[in-house]
């Protein structure tokens, strides 16, 4: 034995040189792999990484997969494994898509960063993670701020009404009132009784 197989190569046994290239007793480290000093076989680049070049010596030679894609296999030779699906984001080096959090949605695919997730608009709710569209309108008798996760996010207060899809409570019109919460229609506001004013 005269010395280890050089980095960037692998020696399977019987190699007359530390840099074999005959593919019988060793070879240059192939694409999608790296071969540290003394390698008997190539080591595949880990999930989230790739290498389109041969002769890699260290794991650092495996590059991060592109933003907007996820690479869940090993030994990849391309930076674009699978397109990140709608409702998810994939930063550089992703091995799996990351779901947008509850209260957000993302209709586009191929997005790379958390700030691509859109807050649920007022009057709508986004229940659960990884949504490509809003879950639906806020329930009548309730209102939903931007980023709401439930259809009954906030109870409509007394003196107001909240139709389905309300982003904020609507005050009863002058001359009418509502003494209870959770009302959903203008008709739920009662006329002001005789002897009183309601504004």
N, C-alpha and C. Protein backbone atom coordinates (compact mmCIF):
# COMPACT_ATOMS: atom_id res chain seq x y z
N UNK A 1 0.86 -1.19 0.00
CA UNK A 1 0.00 0.00 0.00
C UNK A 1 0.90 1.23 0.00
N UNK A 2 0.68 2.08 -0.97
CA UNK A 2 1.51 3.28 -1.07
C UNK A 2 0.80 4.54 -0.58
N UNK A 3 -0.51 4.50 -0.45
CA UNK A 3 -1.23 5.68 0.03
C UNK A 3 -2.70 5.62 -0.33
N UNK A 4 -3.47 6.49 0.27
CA UNK A 4 -4.92 6.48 0.02
C UNK A 4 -5.26 7.01 -1.36
N UNK A 5 -6.42 6.62 -1.81
CA UNK A 5 -6.98 7.18 -3.04
C UNK A 5 -7.16 8.68 -2.83
N UNK A 6 -6.79 9.47 -3.82
CA UNK A 6 -6.87 10.92 -3.67
C UNK A 6 -8.31 11.41 -3.64
N UNK A 7 -8.51 12.54 -2.99
CA UNK A 7 -9.84 13.16 -2.95
C UNK A 7 -10.28 13.47 -4.38
N UNK A 8 -11.57 13.24 -4.64
CA UNK A 8 -12.10 13.44 -5.99
C UNK A 8 -12.07 12.18 -6.83
N UNK A 9 -11.53 11.10 -6.26
CA UNK A 9 -11.48 9.79 -6.92
C UNK A 9 -11.96 8.74 -5.93
N UNK A 10 -12.29 7.56 -6.44
CA UNK A 10 -12.56 6.43 -5.56
C UNK A 10 -11.80 5.22 -6.09
N UNK A 11 -11.37 4.36 -5.16
CA UNK A 11 -10.57 3.18 -5.49
C UNK A 11 -11.28 1.95 -4.91
N UNK A 12 -11.82 1.09 -5.77
CA UNK A 12 -12.60 -0.06 -5.30
C UNK A 12 -11.71 -1.21 -4.83
N UNK A 13 -10.47 -1.22 -5.20
CA UNK A 13 -9.55 -2.28 -4.80
C UNK A 13 -8.67 -2.68 -5.96
N UNK A 14 -7.39 -2.85 -5.70
CA UNK A 14 -6.44 -3.23 -6.73
C UNK A 14 -6.01 -2.08 -7.62
N UNK A 15 -6.24 -0.85 -7.17
CA UNK A 15 -5.87 0.30 -8.00
C UNK A 15 -4.36 0.51 -7.97
N UNK A 16 -3.70 0.61 -9.13
CA UNK A 16 -2.26 0.83 -9.17
C UNK A 16 -1.90 2.30 -8.96
N UNK A 17 -2.90 3.17 -8.95
CA UNK A 17 -2.67 4.61 -8.87
C UNK A 17 -3.69 5.21 -7.91
N UNK A 18 -3.35 6.32 -7.22
CA UNK A 18 -4.33 6.99 -6.35
C UNK A 18 -5.36 7.80 -7.13
N UNK A 19 -5.22 7.81 -8.47
CA UNK A 19 -6.16 8.55 -9.32
C UNK A 19 -6.62 7.66 -10.47
N UNK A 20 -7.31 6.54 -10.18
CA UNK A 20 -7.70 5.62 -11.25
C UNK A 20 -8.79 6.22 -12.14
N UNK A 21 -8.80 5.80 -13.39
CA UNK A 21 -9.82 6.29 -14.33
C UNK A 21 -10.34 5.18 -15.24
N UNK A 22 -10.05 3.92 -14.92
CA UNK A 22 -10.46 2.84 -15.83
C UNK A 22 -11.85 2.27 -15.51
N UNK A 23 -12.49 2.70 -14.42
CA UNK A 23 -13.81 2.25 -13.98
C UNK A 23 -13.83 0.79 -13.54
N UNK A 24 -12.68 0.12 -13.55
CA UNK A 24 -12.61 -1.26 -13.07
C UNK A 24 -12.15 -1.29 -11.62
N UNK A 25 -11.10 -0.56 -11.31
CA UNK A 25 -10.57 -0.51 -9.94
C UNK A 25 -10.79 0.87 -9.31
N UNK A 26 -11.55 1.71 -9.98
CA UNK A 26 -11.83 3.06 -9.47
C UNK A 26 -12.04 4.03 -10.61
N UNK A 27 -12.33 5.28 -10.24
CA UNK A 27 -12.59 6.28 -11.27
C UNK A 27 -12.66 7.67 -10.63
N UNK A 28 -12.82 8.65 -11.51
CA UNK A 28 -13.12 10.00 -11.04
C UNK A 28 -14.48 9.98 -10.37
N UNK A 29 -14.62 10.70 -9.28
CA UNK A 29 -15.91 10.76 -8.58
C UNK A 29 -16.98 11.29 -9.55
N UNK A 30 -18.12 10.61 -9.67
CA UNK A 30 -19.12 11.00 -10.68
C UNK A 30 -19.97 12.19 -10.25
N UNK A 31 -20.74 12.70 -11.19
CA UNK A 31 -21.71 13.74 -10.88
C UNK A 31 -22.68 13.24 -9.81
N UNK A 32 -23.17 14.17 -8.98
CA UNK A 32 -24.13 13.80 -7.95
C UNK A 32 -23.51 13.16 -6.73
N UNK A 33 -22.17 13.16 -6.65
CA UNK A 33 -21.48 12.50 -5.54
C UNK A 33 -20.22 13.28 -5.17
N UNK A 34 -19.62 12.87 -4.05
CA UNK A 34 -18.33 13.42 -3.64
C UNK A 34 -17.49 12.27 -3.08
N UNK A 35 -16.18 12.42 -3.16
CA UNK A 35 -15.26 11.36 -2.77
C UNK A 35 -14.13 11.97 -1.94
N UNK A 36 -14.22 11.91 -0.62
CA UNK A 36 -13.11 12.41 0.21
C UNK A 36 -11.86 11.53 0.05
N UNK A 37 -10.78 11.98 0.61
CA UNK A 37 -9.52 11.23 0.59
C UNK A 37 -9.77 9.81 1.10
N UNK A 38 -9.31 8.82 0.34
CA UNK A 38 -9.42 7.42 0.76
C UNK A 38 -10.77 6.78 0.50
N UNK A 39 -11.53 7.29 -0.47
CA UNK A 39 -12.87 6.74 -0.75
C UNK A 39 -12.78 5.41 -1.49
N UNK A 40 -13.57 4.43 -1.02
CA UNK A 40 -13.70 3.16 -1.72
C UNK A 40 -14.89 3.19 -2.69
N UNK A 41 -15.80 4.12 -2.48
CA UNK A 41 -16.95 4.28 -3.38
C UNK A 41 -17.45 5.72 -3.25
N UNK A 42 -18.15 6.22 -4.26
CA UNK A 42 -18.66 7.59 -4.18
C UNK A 42 -19.75 7.72 -3.12
N UNK A 43 -19.80 8.87 -2.47
CA UNK A 43 -20.85 9.18 -1.51
C UNK A 43 -21.86 10.11 -2.19
N UNK A 44 -23.15 9.76 -2.20
CA UNK A 44 -24.13 10.60 -2.91
C UNK A 44 -24.35 11.94 -2.21
N UNK A 45 -24.56 12.97 -3.01
CA UNK A 45 -24.95 14.26 -2.43
C UNK A 45 -26.25 14.06 -1.65
N UNK A 46 -26.40 14.71 -0.49
CA UNK A 46 -27.59 14.50 0.35
C UNK A 46 -28.83 15.18 -0.23
N UNK A 47 -30.01 14.85 0.29
CA UNK A 47 -31.24 15.53 -0.14
C UNK A 47 -31.10 17.04 -0.02
N UNK A 48 -31.67 17.76 -0.98
CA UNK A 48 -31.58 19.22 -0.99
C UNK A 48 -30.34 19.74 -1.69
N UNK A 49 -29.51 18.83 -2.19
CA UNK A 49 -28.24 19.20 -2.83
C UNK A 49 -28.11 18.47 -4.18
N UNK A 50 -27.17 18.94 -4.97
CA UNK A 50 -26.90 18.32 -6.27
C UNK A 50 -25.46 18.62 -6.65
N UNK A 51 -24.97 17.93 -7.66
CA UNK A 51 -23.68 18.26 -8.26
C UNK A 51 -23.71 17.85 -9.73
N UNK A 52 -23.54 18.83 -10.60
CA UNK A 52 -23.52 18.54 -12.03
C UNK A 52 -22.10 18.34 -12.55
N UNK A 53 -21.12 18.42 -11.66
CA UNK A 53 -19.73 18.24 -12.08
C UNK A 53 -19.16 16.97 -11.46
N UNK A 54 -18.15 16.41 -12.09
CA UNK A 54 -17.46 15.23 -11.58
C UNK A 54 -16.20 15.67 -10.82
N UNK A 55 -15.65 14.73 -10.04
CA UNK A 55 -14.40 15.00 -9.34
C UNK A 55 -14.56 15.75 -8.03
N UNK A 56 -15.73 15.74 -7.43
CA UNK A 56 -15.95 16.44 -6.16
C UNK A 56 -15.25 15.71 -5.03
N UNK A 57 -14.62 16.50 -4.16
CA UNK A 57 -13.83 15.92 -3.07
C UNK A 57 -14.53 15.99 -1.72
N UNK A 58 -15.42 16.96 -1.51
CA UNK A 58 -16.02 17.17 -0.19
C UNK A 58 -17.52 17.38 -0.34
N UNK A 59 -18.24 17.18 0.78
CA UNK A 59 -19.68 17.39 0.76
C UNK A 59 -20.02 18.84 0.40
N UNK A 60 -19.12 19.77 0.73
CA UNK A 60 -19.34 21.18 0.38
C UNK A 60 -19.37 21.40 -1.13
N UNK A 61 -18.84 20.44 -1.89
CA UNK A 61 -18.89 20.55 -3.35
C UNK A 61 -20.30 20.26 -3.90
N UNK A 62 -21.16 19.67 -3.06
CA UNK A 62 -22.56 19.48 -3.43
C UNK A 62 -23.27 20.81 -3.18
N UNK A 63 -23.93 21.33 -4.19
CA UNK A 63 -24.55 22.65 -4.13
C UNK A 63 -26.01 22.56 -3.72
N UNK A 64 -26.53 23.66 -3.17
CA UNK A 64 -27.94 23.72 -2.76
C UNK A 64 -28.84 23.71 -3.99
N UNK A 65 -29.92 22.95 -3.92
CA UNK A 65 -30.92 22.99 -4.99
C UNK A 65 -31.55 24.37 -5.04
N UNK A 66 -32.09 24.73 -6.19
CA UNK A 66 -32.62 26.08 -6.43
C UNK A 66 -33.85 26.37 -5.58
N UNK A 67 -34.04 27.65 -5.24
CA UNK A 67 -35.27 28.10 -4.59
C UNK A 67 -36.44 27.84 -5.52
N UNK A 68 -37.58 27.48 -4.93
CA UNK A 68 -38.77 27.19 -5.72
C UNK A 68 -38.88 25.73 -6.14
N UNK A 69 -37.88 24.94 -5.77
CA UNK A 69 -37.86 23.50 -6.07
C UNK A 69 -37.48 22.75 -4.81
N UNK A 70 -37.86 21.47 -4.74
CA UNK A 70 -37.36 20.63 -3.66
C UNK A 70 -36.72 19.38 -4.26
N UNK A 71 -35.65 18.95 -3.63
CA UNK A 71 -34.85 17.82 -4.11
C UNK A 71 -34.82 16.78 -3.00
N UNK A 72 -35.73 15.80 -3.06
CA UNK A 72 -35.84 14.86 -1.94
C UNK A 72 -35.08 13.56 -2.15
N UNK A 73 -34.34 13.46 -3.23
CA UNK A 73 -33.52 12.27 -3.45
C UNK A 73 -32.06 12.55 -3.14
N UNK A 74 -31.24 11.51 -3.23
CA UNK A 74 -29.80 11.66 -3.06
C UNK A 74 -29.12 11.48 -4.41
N UNK A 75 -27.91 12.01 -4.52
CA UNK A 75 -27.13 11.81 -5.73
C UNK A 75 -27.66 12.55 -6.95
N UNK A 76 -28.32 13.67 -6.74
CA UNK A 76 -28.92 14.40 -7.87
C UNK A 76 -27.86 15.16 -8.66
N UNK A 77 -28.07 15.25 -9.97
CA UNK A 77 -27.14 15.97 -10.84
C UNK A 77 -27.74 17.27 -11.37
N UNK A 78 -29.00 17.56 -10.98
CA UNK A 78 -29.69 18.77 -11.44
C UNK A 78 -30.18 19.57 -10.24
N UNK A 79 -30.17 20.91 -10.32
CA UNK A 79 -30.61 21.73 -9.18
C UNK A 79 -32.12 21.84 -9.07
N UNK A 80 -32.87 21.31 -10.02
CA UNK A 80 -34.32 21.48 -10.04
C UNK A 80 -34.98 20.12 -9.95
N UNK A 81 -35.16 19.64 -8.72
CA UNK A 81 -35.78 18.33 -8.53
C UNK A 81 -37.24 18.35 -8.91
N UNK A 82 -38.10 18.87 -8.03
CA UNK A 82 -39.53 18.95 -8.27
C UNK A 82 -39.99 20.37 -7.99
N UNK A 83 -40.92 20.86 -8.80
CA UNK A 83 -41.46 22.20 -8.62
C UNK A 83 -42.21 22.27 -7.29
N UNK A 84 -41.94 23.32 -6.52
CA UNK A 84 -42.62 23.51 -5.24
C UNK A 84 -44.12 23.72 -5.50
N UNK A 85 -45.00 22.96 -4.83
CA UNK A 85 -46.43 23.08 -5.14
C UNK A 85 -47.06 24.33 -4.54
N UNK A 86 -48.22 24.70 -5.06
CA UNK A 86 -48.99 25.81 -4.51
C UNK A 86 -49.29 25.54 -3.03
N UNK A 87 -49.34 26.60 -2.24
CA UNK A 87 -49.58 26.46 -0.81
C UNK A 87 -48.32 26.17 -0.02
N UNK A 88 -47.19 26.10 -0.70
CA UNK A 88 -45.91 25.76 -0.07
C UNK A 88 -44.81 26.66 -0.62
N UNK A 89 -43.70 26.70 0.10
CA UNK A 89 -42.52 27.42 -0.37
C UNK A 89 -41.30 26.54 -0.17
N UNK A 90 -40.30 26.74 -1.01
CA UNK A 90 -39.10 25.90 -0.99
C UNK A 90 -37.87 26.79 -1.08
N UNK A 91 -37.24 27.11 0.07
CA UNK A 91 -35.99 27.88 0.03
C UNK A 91 -34.88 27.07 -0.63
N UNK A 92 -33.76 27.71 -0.97
CA UNK A 92 -32.64 26.96 -1.53
C UNK A 92 -32.24 25.79 -0.62
N UNK A 93 -32.00 24.64 -1.21
CA UNK A 93 -31.58 23.47 -0.43
C UNK A 93 -32.73 22.70 0.21
N UNK A 94 -33.95 22.90 -0.26
CA UNK A 94 -35.10 22.20 0.33
C UNK A 94 -35.12 20.73 -0.10
N UNK A 95 -35.33 19.85 0.88
CA UNK A 95 -35.55 18.44 0.57
C UNK A 95 -37.04 18.12 0.57
N UNK A 96 -37.86 18.98 1.16
CA UNK A 96 -39.32 18.84 1.17
C UNK A 96 -39.94 20.22 1.08
N UNK A 97 -41.14 20.35 0.51
CA UNK A 97 -41.82 21.65 0.51
C UNK A 97 -42.22 22.04 1.93
N UNK A 98 -42.16 23.33 2.23
CA UNK A 98 -42.58 23.85 3.53
C UNK A 98 -43.98 24.45 3.37
N UNK A 99 -44.96 24.03 4.19
CA UNK A 99 -46.32 24.57 4.03
C UNK A 99 -46.42 26.01 4.50
N UNK A 100 -47.20 26.81 3.78
CA UNK A 100 -47.53 28.14 4.28
C UNK A 100 -48.32 27.97 5.58
N UNK A 101 -48.09 28.82 6.57
CA UNK A 101 -48.76 28.64 7.87
C UNK A 101 -50.25 28.96 7.80
N UNK A 102 -50.98 28.50 8.80
CA UNK A 102 -52.40 28.82 8.91
C UNK A 102 -52.57 30.33 8.91
N UNK A 103 -53.64 30.80 8.29
CA UNK A 103 -53.88 32.24 8.17
C UNK A 103 -53.29 32.83 6.91
N UNK A 104 -52.66 31.99 6.09
CA UNK A 104 -52.08 32.44 4.82
C UNK A 104 -52.46 31.45 3.72
N UNK A 105 -52.23 31.84 2.47
CA UNK A 105 -52.44 30.96 1.32
C UNK A 105 -51.46 31.37 0.23
N UNK A 106 -51.27 30.50 -0.76
CA UNK A 106 -50.35 30.78 -1.85
C UNK A 106 -50.83 30.06 -3.10
N UNK A 107 -51.46 30.78 -4.05
CA UNK A 107 -52.01 30.12 -5.23
C UNK A 107 -50.95 29.70 -6.26
N UNK A 108 -49.76 30.30 -6.24
CA UNK A 108 -48.75 30.00 -7.25
C UNK A 108 -47.86 28.83 -6.81
N UNK A 109 -47.37 28.08 -7.78
CA UNK A 109 -46.36 27.06 -7.51
C UNK A 109 -44.98 27.64 -7.82
N UNK A 110 -43.94 26.95 -7.37
CA UNK A 110 -42.57 27.37 -7.67
C UNK A 110 -42.08 28.55 -6.87
N UNK A 111 -42.64 28.78 -5.69
CA UNK A 111 -42.22 29.91 -4.86
C UNK A 111 -41.15 29.45 -3.86
N UNK A 112 -40.21 30.37 -3.55
CA UNK A 112 -39.04 29.97 -2.78
C UNK A 112 -38.98 30.42 -1.34
N UNK A 113 -39.83 31.35 -0.92
CA UNK A 113 -39.61 31.93 0.40
C UNK A 113 -40.92 32.12 1.17
N UNK A 114 -40.82 32.13 2.48
CA UNK A 114 -41.97 32.25 3.39
C UNK A 114 -42.79 33.51 3.10
N UNK A 115 -42.11 34.61 2.74
CA UNK A 115 -42.85 35.86 2.50
C UNK A 115 -43.66 35.82 1.21
N UNK A 116 -43.58 34.72 0.46
CA UNK A 116 -44.46 34.54 -0.70
C UNK A 116 -45.88 34.17 -0.28
N UNK A 117 -46.04 33.63 0.94
CA UNK A 117 -47.36 33.26 1.45
C UNK A 117 -48.15 34.53 1.72
N UNK A 118 -49.38 34.59 1.22
CA UNK A 118 -50.21 35.79 1.32
C UNK A 118 -51.11 35.70 2.54
N UNK A 119 -51.25 36.82 3.30
CA UNK A 119 -52.19 36.79 4.42
C UNK A 119 -53.62 36.62 3.91
N UNK A 120 -54.40 35.85 4.63
CA UNK A 120 -55.81 35.69 4.28
C UNK A 120 -56.46 37.07 4.32
N UNK A 121 -57.23 37.46 3.29
CA UNK A 121 -57.80 38.81 3.27
C UNK A 121 -58.92 38.96 4.30
N UNK A 122 -59.21 40.19 4.66
CA UNK A 122 -60.31 40.48 5.59
C UNK A 122 -61.60 39.90 5.04
N UNK A 123 -62.41 39.33 5.93
CA UNK A 123 -63.68 38.72 5.54
C UNK A 123 -63.56 37.27 5.13
N UNK A 124 -62.35 36.76 5.03
CA UNK A 124 -62.11 35.35 4.66
C UNK A 124 -61.34 34.67 5.79
N UNK A 125 -61.31 33.35 5.75
CA UNK A 125 -60.47 32.62 6.71
C UNK A 125 -59.66 31.57 5.97
N UNK A 126 -58.48 31.27 6.52
CA UNK A 126 -57.55 30.30 5.94
C UNK A 126 -57.19 29.31 7.05
N UNK A 127 -57.92 28.20 7.08
CA UNK A 127 -57.80 27.23 8.16
C UNK A 127 -56.80 26.15 7.78
N UNK A 128 -55.80 25.95 8.60
CA UNK A 128 -54.82 24.91 8.34
C UNK A 128 -53.65 25.42 7.51
N UNK A 129 -52.65 24.55 7.36
CA UNK A 129 -51.42 24.90 6.65
C UNK A 129 -51.49 24.46 5.19
N UNK A 130 -50.62 25.05 4.38
CA UNK A 130 -50.42 24.58 3.01
C UNK A 130 -51.59 24.84 2.07
N UNK A 131 -52.29 25.97 2.25
CA UNK A 131 -53.46 26.26 1.43
C UNK A 131 -53.07 26.96 0.13
N UNK A 132 -53.68 26.52 -0.97
CA UNK A 132 -53.50 27.19 -2.26
C UNK A 132 -54.57 28.25 -2.49
N UNK A 133 -55.66 28.21 -1.70
CA UNK A 133 -56.75 29.18 -1.80
C UNK A 133 -57.33 29.40 -0.41
N UNK A 134 -58.09 30.48 -0.26
CA UNK A 134 -58.74 30.72 1.04
C UNK A 134 -59.73 29.60 1.32
N UNK A 135 -60.01 29.36 2.60
CA UNK A 135 -60.94 28.29 2.97
C UNK A 135 -62.39 28.69 2.72
N UNK A 136 -62.71 29.99 2.86
CA UNK A 136 -64.08 30.44 2.63
C UNK A 136 -64.34 31.77 3.30
N UNK A 137 -65.62 32.24 3.22
CA UNK A 137 -65.97 33.52 3.85
C UNK A 137 -66.21 33.36 5.35
N UNK A 138 -66.02 34.42 6.06
CA UNK A 138 -66.31 34.47 7.49
C UNK A 138 -67.82 34.23 7.69
N UNK A 139 -68.20 33.54 8.76
CA UNK A 139 -69.61 33.25 9.03
C UNK A 139 -70.37 34.52 9.40
N UNK A 140 -71.66 34.54 9.06
CA UNK A 140 -72.52 35.64 9.48
C UNK A 140 -72.54 35.72 11.01
N UNK A 141 -72.60 36.95 11.53
CA UNK A 141 -72.55 37.15 12.97
C UNK A 141 -71.14 37.23 13.51
N UNK A 142 -70.17 37.13 12.62
CA UNK A 142 -68.75 37.21 12.99
C UNK A 142 -68.03 38.05 11.95
N UNK A 143 -66.82 38.48 12.30
CA UNK A 143 -65.98 39.15 11.30
C UNK A 143 -64.57 38.62 11.39
N UNK A 144 -63.87 38.69 10.28
CA UNK A 144 -62.53 38.11 10.17
C UNK A 144 -61.53 39.18 9.77
N UNK A 145 -60.57 39.44 10.66
CA UNK A 145 -59.45 40.32 10.34
C UNK A 145 -58.57 39.64 9.29
N UNK A 146 -57.66 40.41 8.63
CA UNK A 146 -56.68 39.75 7.75
C UNK A 146 -55.88 38.70 8.53
N UNK A 147 -55.66 37.56 7.92
CA UNK A 147 -54.90 36.49 8.56
C UNK A 147 -55.73 35.58 9.46
N UNK A 148 -57.05 35.66 9.38
CA UNK A 148 -57.91 34.83 10.24
C UNK A 148 -57.78 33.35 9.87
N UNK A 149 -57.85 32.50 10.89
CA UNK A 149 -57.74 31.05 10.69
C UNK A 149 -59.07 30.32 10.90
N UNK A 150 -60.08 31.01 11.42
CA UNK A 150 -61.38 30.39 11.71
C UNK A 150 -62.51 31.22 11.11
N UNK A 151 -63.64 30.60 10.73
CA UNK A 151 -64.76 31.34 10.14
C UNK A 151 -65.52 32.18 11.16
N UNK A 152 -65.31 31.88 12.44
CA UNK A 152 -65.95 32.65 13.51
C UNK A 152 -64.89 33.35 14.35
N UNK A 153 -63.93 33.93 13.65
CA UNK A 153 -62.74 34.49 14.30
C UNK A 153 -63.09 35.48 15.41
N UNK A 154 -63.95 36.46 15.09
CA UNK A 154 -64.34 37.46 16.10
C UNK A 154 -65.85 37.62 16.08
N UNK A 155 -66.43 37.65 17.28
CA UNK A 155 -67.88 37.78 17.44
C UNK A 155 -68.30 39.21 17.15
N UNK A 156 -69.37 39.37 16.38
CA UNK A 156 -69.88 40.71 16.08
C UNK A 156 -70.41 41.34 17.38
N UNK A 157 -69.95 42.55 17.75
CA UNK A 157 -70.33 43.12 19.06
C UNK A 157 -71.74 43.72 19.05
N UNK A 158 -72.32 43.98 20.24
CA UNK A 158 -73.61 44.66 20.31
C UNK A 158 -73.55 46.02 19.62
N UNK A 159 -74.65 46.41 18.98
CA UNK A 159 -74.70 47.68 18.27
C UNK A 159 -74.21 47.58 16.83
N UNK A 160 -73.86 46.37 16.40
CA UNK A 160 -73.33 46.15 15.06
C UNK A 160 -73.96 44.90 14.46
N UNK A 161 -73.80 44.72 13.16
CA UNK A 161 -74.17 43.47 12.50
C UNK A 161 -73.04 43.10 11.53
N UNK A 162 -72.94 41.81 11.26
CA UNK A 162 -71.84 41.30 10.43
C UNK A 162 -72.40 40.25 9.47
N UNK A 163 -72.68 40.63 8.22
CA UNK A 163 -73.11 39.63 7.22
C UNK A 163 -71.97 38.65 6.92
N UNK A 164 -72.31 37.56 6.24
CA UNK A 164 -71.29 36.60 5.83
C UNK A 164 -70.20 37.32 5.03
N UNK A 165 -68.95 36.98 5.34
CA UNK A 165 -67.82 37.58 4.63
C UNK A 165 -67.42 38.95 5.14
N UNK A 166 -67.80 39.28 6.37
CA UNK A 166 -67.46 40.60 6.92
C UNK A 166 -66.01 40.65 7.38
N UNK A 167 -65.34 41.74 7.02
CA UNK A 167 -63.99 41.98 7.52
C UNK A 167 -63.98 42.90 8.71
N UNK A 168 -65.11 43.52 9.00
CA UNK A 168 -65.25 44.42 10.15
C UNK A 168 -66.74 44.53 10.47
N UNK A 169 -67.09 44.88 11.73
CA UNK A 169 -68.50 45.03 12.08
C UNK A 169 -69.09 46.31 11.49
N UNK A 170 -70.36 46.25 11.10
CA UNK A 170 -71.06 47.40 10.52
C UNK A 170 -72.02 47.94 11.58
N UNK A 171 -71.94 49.23 11.90
CA UNK A 171 -72.82 49.76 12.96
C UNK A 171 -74.28 49.78 12.52
N UNK A 172 -75.17 49.54 13.49
CA UNK A 172 -76.59 49.70 13.22
C UNK A 172 -76.84 51.14 12.77
N UNK A 173 -77.79 51.32 11.86
CA UNK A 173 -78.05 52.66 11.33
C UNK A 173 -78.62 53.57 12.42
N UNK A 174 -78.45 54.89 12.29
CA UNK A 174 -79.01 55.81 13.28
C UNK A 174 -80.50 55.55 13.46
N UNK A 175 -80.93 55.57 14.71
CA UNK A 175 -82.32 55.30 15.03
C UNK A 175 -82.60 53.83 15.28
N UNK A 176 -81.56 53.01 15.27
CA UNK A 176 -81.74 51.59 15.57
C UNK A 176 -80.62 51.12 16.49
N UNK A 177 -80.79 49.94 17.07
CA UNK A 177 -79.79 49.43 18.02
C UNK A 177 -79.85 47.91 18.02
N UNK A 178 -78.84 47.32 18.63
CA UNK A 178 -78.80 45.88 18.88
C UNK A 178 -78.10 45.68 20.20
N UNK A 179 -78.80 45.09 21.15
CA UNK A 179 -78.23 44.94 22.49
C UNK A 179 -77.48 43.63 22.67
N UNK A 180 -77.54 42.76 21.68
CA UNK A 180 -76.85 41.47 21.80
C UNK A 180 -75.80 41.35 20.69
N UNK A 181 -74.85 40.50 20.92
CA UNK A 181 -73.78 40.30 19.94
C UNK A 181 -74.15 39.18 18.98
N UNK A 182 -73.36 39.06 17.92
CA UNK A 182 -73.52 37.95 16.98
C UNK A 182 -74.61 38.13 15.95
N UNK A 183 -75.01 39.36 15.67
CA UNK A 183 -76.06 39.61 14.68
C UNK A 183 -75.45 39.67 13.29
N UNK A 184 -76.23 39.19 12.27
CA UNK A 184 -75.67 39.06 10.94
C UNK A 184 -76.32 39.90 9.86
N UNK A 185 -77.46 40.55 10.13
CA UNK A 185 -78.17 41.28 9.09
C UNK A 185 -78.61 42.66 9.60
N UNK A 186 -78.83 43.63 8.69
CA UNK A 186 -79.35 44.93 9.12
C UNK A 186 -80.69 44.81 9.84
N UNK A 187 -81.50 43.83 9.44
CA UNK A 187 -82.82 43.64 10.07
C UNK A 187 -82.70 43.19 11.52
N UNK A 188 -81.50 42.72 11.91
CA UNK A 188 -81.31 42.33 13.31
C UNK A 188 -81.20 43.54 14.23
N UNK A 189 -81.01 44.73 13.66
CA UNK A 189 -80.99 45.96 14.46
C UNK A 189 -82.45 46.39 14.69
N UNK A 190 -82.81 46.65 15.94
CA UNK A 190 -84.18 47.01 16.32
C UNK A 190 -84.38 48.52 16.28
N UNK A 191 -85.61 48.98 15.95
CA UNK A 191 -85.88 50.42 16.03
C UNK A 191 -85.72 50.91 17.46
N UNK A 192 -85.24 52.12 17.58
CA UNK A 192 -85.04 52.71 18.90
C UNK A 192 -86.42 52.85 19.58
N UNK A 193 -86.56 52.45 20.85
CA UNK A 193 -87.87 52.54 21.51
C UNK A 193 -88.30 53.99 21.74
N UNK A 194 -89.59 54.18 21.88
CA UNK A 194 -90.14 55.52 22.13
C UNK A 194 -89.52 56.12 23.39
N UNK A 195 -89.19 57.37 23.30
CA UNK A 195 -88.60 58.07 24.44
C UNK A 195 -87.09 57.99 24.49
N UNK A 196 -86.46 57.32 23.50
CA UNK A 196 -85.01 57.20 23.46
C UNK A 196 -84.49 57.60 22.09
N UNK A 197 -83.22 57.95 22.06
CA UNK A 197 -82.56 58.18 20.77
C UNK A 197 -81.41 57.20 20.64
N UNK A 198 -81.19 56.75 19.45
CA UNK A 198 -80.11 55.78 19.19
C UNK A 198 -79.27 56.31 18.04
N UNK A 199 -78.00 56.54 18.32
CA UNK A 199 -77.13 57.05 17.26
C UNK A 199 -75.89 56.18 17.13
